[in-house]
């Protein structure tokens, strides 16, 4: 499920920040997380739009 993927990636990002990993790694994880969150909201928004039309 998309929500689970977001939680896992967020945890991985936070751990990387805490461990002082290279900026390139942190940035890459951050971009991936942003993309997952955008997908989540786009998917959720479409569901709500369909429900409003019905």
N, C-alpha and C. Protein backbone atom coordinates (compact mmCIF):
# COMPACT_ATOMS: atom_id res chain seq x y z
N UNK A 1 0.84 -1.18 0.00
CA UNK A 1 0.00 0.00 0.00
C UNK A 1 0.89 1.25 0.00
N UNK A 2 0.43 2.26 -0.66
CA UNK A 2 1.22 3.49 -0.83
C UNK A 2 1.56 4.14 0.51
N UNK A 3 0.62 4.12 1.42
CA UNK A 3 0.86 4.71 2.74
C UNK A 3 2.01 4.01 3.47
N UNK A 4 2.07 2.70 3.35
CA UNK A 4 3.15 1.93 3.98
C UNK A 4 4.50 2.28 3.37
N UNK A 5 4.52 2.44 2.05
CA UNK A 5 5.76 2.80 1.35
C UNK A 5 6.25 4.18 1.81
N UNK A 6 5.31 5.10 2.00
CA UNK A 6 5.66 6.44 2.46
C UNK A 6 6.28 6.36 3.85
N UNK A 7 5.68 5.61 4.74
CA UNK A 7 6.20 5.48 6.11
C UNK A 7 7.60 4.87 6.12
N UNK A 8 7.81 3.83 5.33
CA UNK A 8 9.12 3.18 5.28
C UNK A 8 10.19 4.12 4.74
N UNK A 9 9.85 4.83 3.67
CA UNK A 9 10.82 5.74 3.07
C UNK A 9 11.10 6.93 3.99
N UNK A 10 10.08 7.41 4.68
CA UNK A 10 10.27 8.51 5.63
C UNK A 10 11.22 8.08 6.75
N UNK A 11 11.04 6.86 7.24
CA UNK A 11 11.93 6.34 8.28
C UNK A 11 13.37 6.22 7.77
N UNK A 12 13.50 5.74 6.54
CA UNK A 12 14.83 5.60 5.94
C UNK A 12 15.50 6.97 5.78
N UNK A 13 14.73 7.96 5.36
CA UNK A 13 15.25 9.32 5.22
C UNK A 13 15.68 9.87 6.57
N UNK A 14 14.84 9.73 7.56
CA UNK A 14 15.17 10.24 8.89
C UNK A 14 16.43 9.58 9.45
N UNK A 15 16.54 8.28 9.26
CA UNK A 15 17.72 7.55 9.72
C UNK A 15 18.98 8.05 9.01
N UNK A 16 18.87 8.29 7.71
CA UNK A 16 20.01 8.79 6.95
C UNK A 16 20.46 10.16 7.46
N UNK A 17 19.49 11.01 7.78
CA UNK A 17 19.80 12.34 8.32
C UNK A 17 20.49 12.21 9.68
N UNK A 18 19.93 11.37 10.54
CA UNK A 18 20.50 11.17 11.88
C UNK A 18 21.93 10.63 11.81
N UNK A 19 22.19 9.77 10.84
CA UNK A 19 23.51 9.16 10.71
C UNK A 19 24.50 10.05 9.96
N UNK A 20 24.04 11.18 9.47
CA UNK A 20 24.91 12.11 8.77
C UNK A 20 25.38 11.59 7.42
N UNK A 21 24.49 10.88 6.74
CA UNK A 21 24.84 10.34 5.42
C UNK A 21 25.12 11.48 4.44
N UNK A 22 25.72 11.13 3.32
CA UNK A 22 26.04 12.10 2.28
C UNK A 22 24.78 12.83 1.81
N UNK A 23 24.94 14.11 1.49
CA UNK A 23 23.82 14.94 1.07
C UNK A 23 23.12 14.37 -0.16
N UNK A 24 23.86 13.80 -1.09
CA UNK A 24 23.26 13.25 -2.31
C UNK A 24 22.27 12.13 -1.99
N UNK A 25 22.61 11.31 -1.01
CA UNK A 25 21.72 10.22 -0.60
C UNK A 25 20.46 10.78 0.04
N UNK A 26 20.63 11.74 0.94
CA UNK A 26 19.49 12.35 1.63
C UNK A 26 18.58 13.05 0.62
N UNK A 27 19.18 13.76 -0.31
CA UNK A 27 18.41 14.48 -1.32
C UNK A 27 17.61 13.50 -2.19
N UNK A 28 18.24 12.41 -2.60
CA UNK A 28 17.57 11.40 -3.43
C UNK A 28 16.37 10.80 -2.69
N UNK A 29 16.57 10.46 -1.42
CA UNK A 29 15.48 9.90 -0.62
C UNK A 29 14.35 10.91 -0.45
N UNK A 30 14.71 12.16 -0.27
CA UNK A 30 13.72 13.22 -0.11
C UNK A 30 12.87 13.38 -1.37
N UNK A 31 13.52 13.34 -2.52
CA UNK A 31 12.79 13.44 -3.80
C UNK A 31 11.85 12.25 -3.97
N UNK A 32 12.35 11.06 -3.67
CA UNK A 32 11.51 9.86 -3.78
C UNK A 32 10.30 9.97 -2.86
N UNK A 33 10.52 10.46 -1.65
CA UNK A 33 9.42 10.61 -0.70
C UNK A 33 8.40 11.63 -1.21
N UNK A 34 8.88 12.74 -1.73
CA UNK A 34 7.98 13.75 -2.30
C UNK A 34 7.12 13.16 -3.41
N UNK A 35 7.72 12.34 -4.25
CA UNK A 35 6.99 11.73 -5.36
C UNK A 35 5.92 10.77 -4.86
N UNK A 36 6.25 9.99 -3.84
CA UNK A 36 5.26 9.07 -3.27
C UNK A 36 4.10 9.84 -2.63
N UNK A 37 4.42 10.91 -1.92
CA UNK A 37 3.38 11.71 -1.28
C UNK A 37 2.48 12.34 -2.34
N UNK A 38 3.07 12.85 -3.40
CA UNK A 38 2.28 13.44 -4.49
C UNK A 38 1.36 12.38 -5.11
N UNK A 39 1.88 11.19 -5.31
CA UNK A 39 1.07 10.09 -5.86
C UNK A 39 -0.08 9.76 -4.93
N UNK A 40 0.20 9.74 -3.64
CA UNK A 40 -0.83 9.45 -2.64
C UNK A 40 -1.95 10.47 -2.71
N UNK A 41 -1.60 11.75 -2.74
CA UNK A 41 -2.62 12.79 -2.78
C UNK A 41 -3.35 12.84 -4.10
N UNK A 42 -2.66 12.59 -5.19
CA UNK A 42 -3.33 12.54 -6.50
C UNK A 42 -4.35 11.41 -6.54
N UNK A 43 -3.96 10.26 -6.04
CA UNK A 43 -4.85 9.10 -6.01
C UNK A 43 -6.04 9.37 -5.10
N UNK A 44 -5.78 9.93 -3.92
CA UNK A 44 -6.84 10.22 -2.95
C UNK A 44 -7.78 11.30 -3.50
N UNK A 45 -7.22 12.30 -4.15
CA UNK A 45 -8.03 13.37 -4.73
C UNK A 45 -8.97 12.86 -5.80
N UNK A 46 -8.49 11.93 -6.61
CA UNK A 46 -9.33 11.36 -7.67
C UNK A 46 -10.48 10.57 -7.07
N UNK A 47 -10.22 9.85 -5.98
CA UNK A 47 -11.29 9.10 -5.32
C UNK A 47 -12.37 10.05 -4.82
N UNK A 48 -11.96 11.14 -4.20
CA UNK A 48 -12.92 12.10 -3.67
C UNK A 48 -13.73 12.75 -4.78
N UNK A 49 -13.08 13.05 -5.90
CA UNK A 49 -13.77 13.65 -7.03
C UNK A 49 -14.84 12.70 -7.58
N UNK A 50 -14.50 11.43 -7.68
CA UNK A 50 -15.46 10.43 -8.17
C UNK A 50 -16.62 10.30 -7.21
N UNK A 51 -16.33 10.33 -5.92
CA UNK A 51 -17.39 10.21 -4.92
C UNK A 51 -18.33 11.41 -4.98
N UNK A 52 -17.80 12.60 -5.25
CA UNK A 52 -18.62 13.80 -5.31
C UNK A 52 -19.53 13.78 -6.54
N UNK A 53 -19.03 13.20 -7.64
CA UNK A 53 -19.80 13.14 -8.88
C UNK A 53 -20.94 12.14 -8.76
N UNK A 54 -20.68 11.06 -8.06
CA UNK A 54 -21.68 9.97 -7.96
C UNK A 54 -22.91 10.38 -7.18
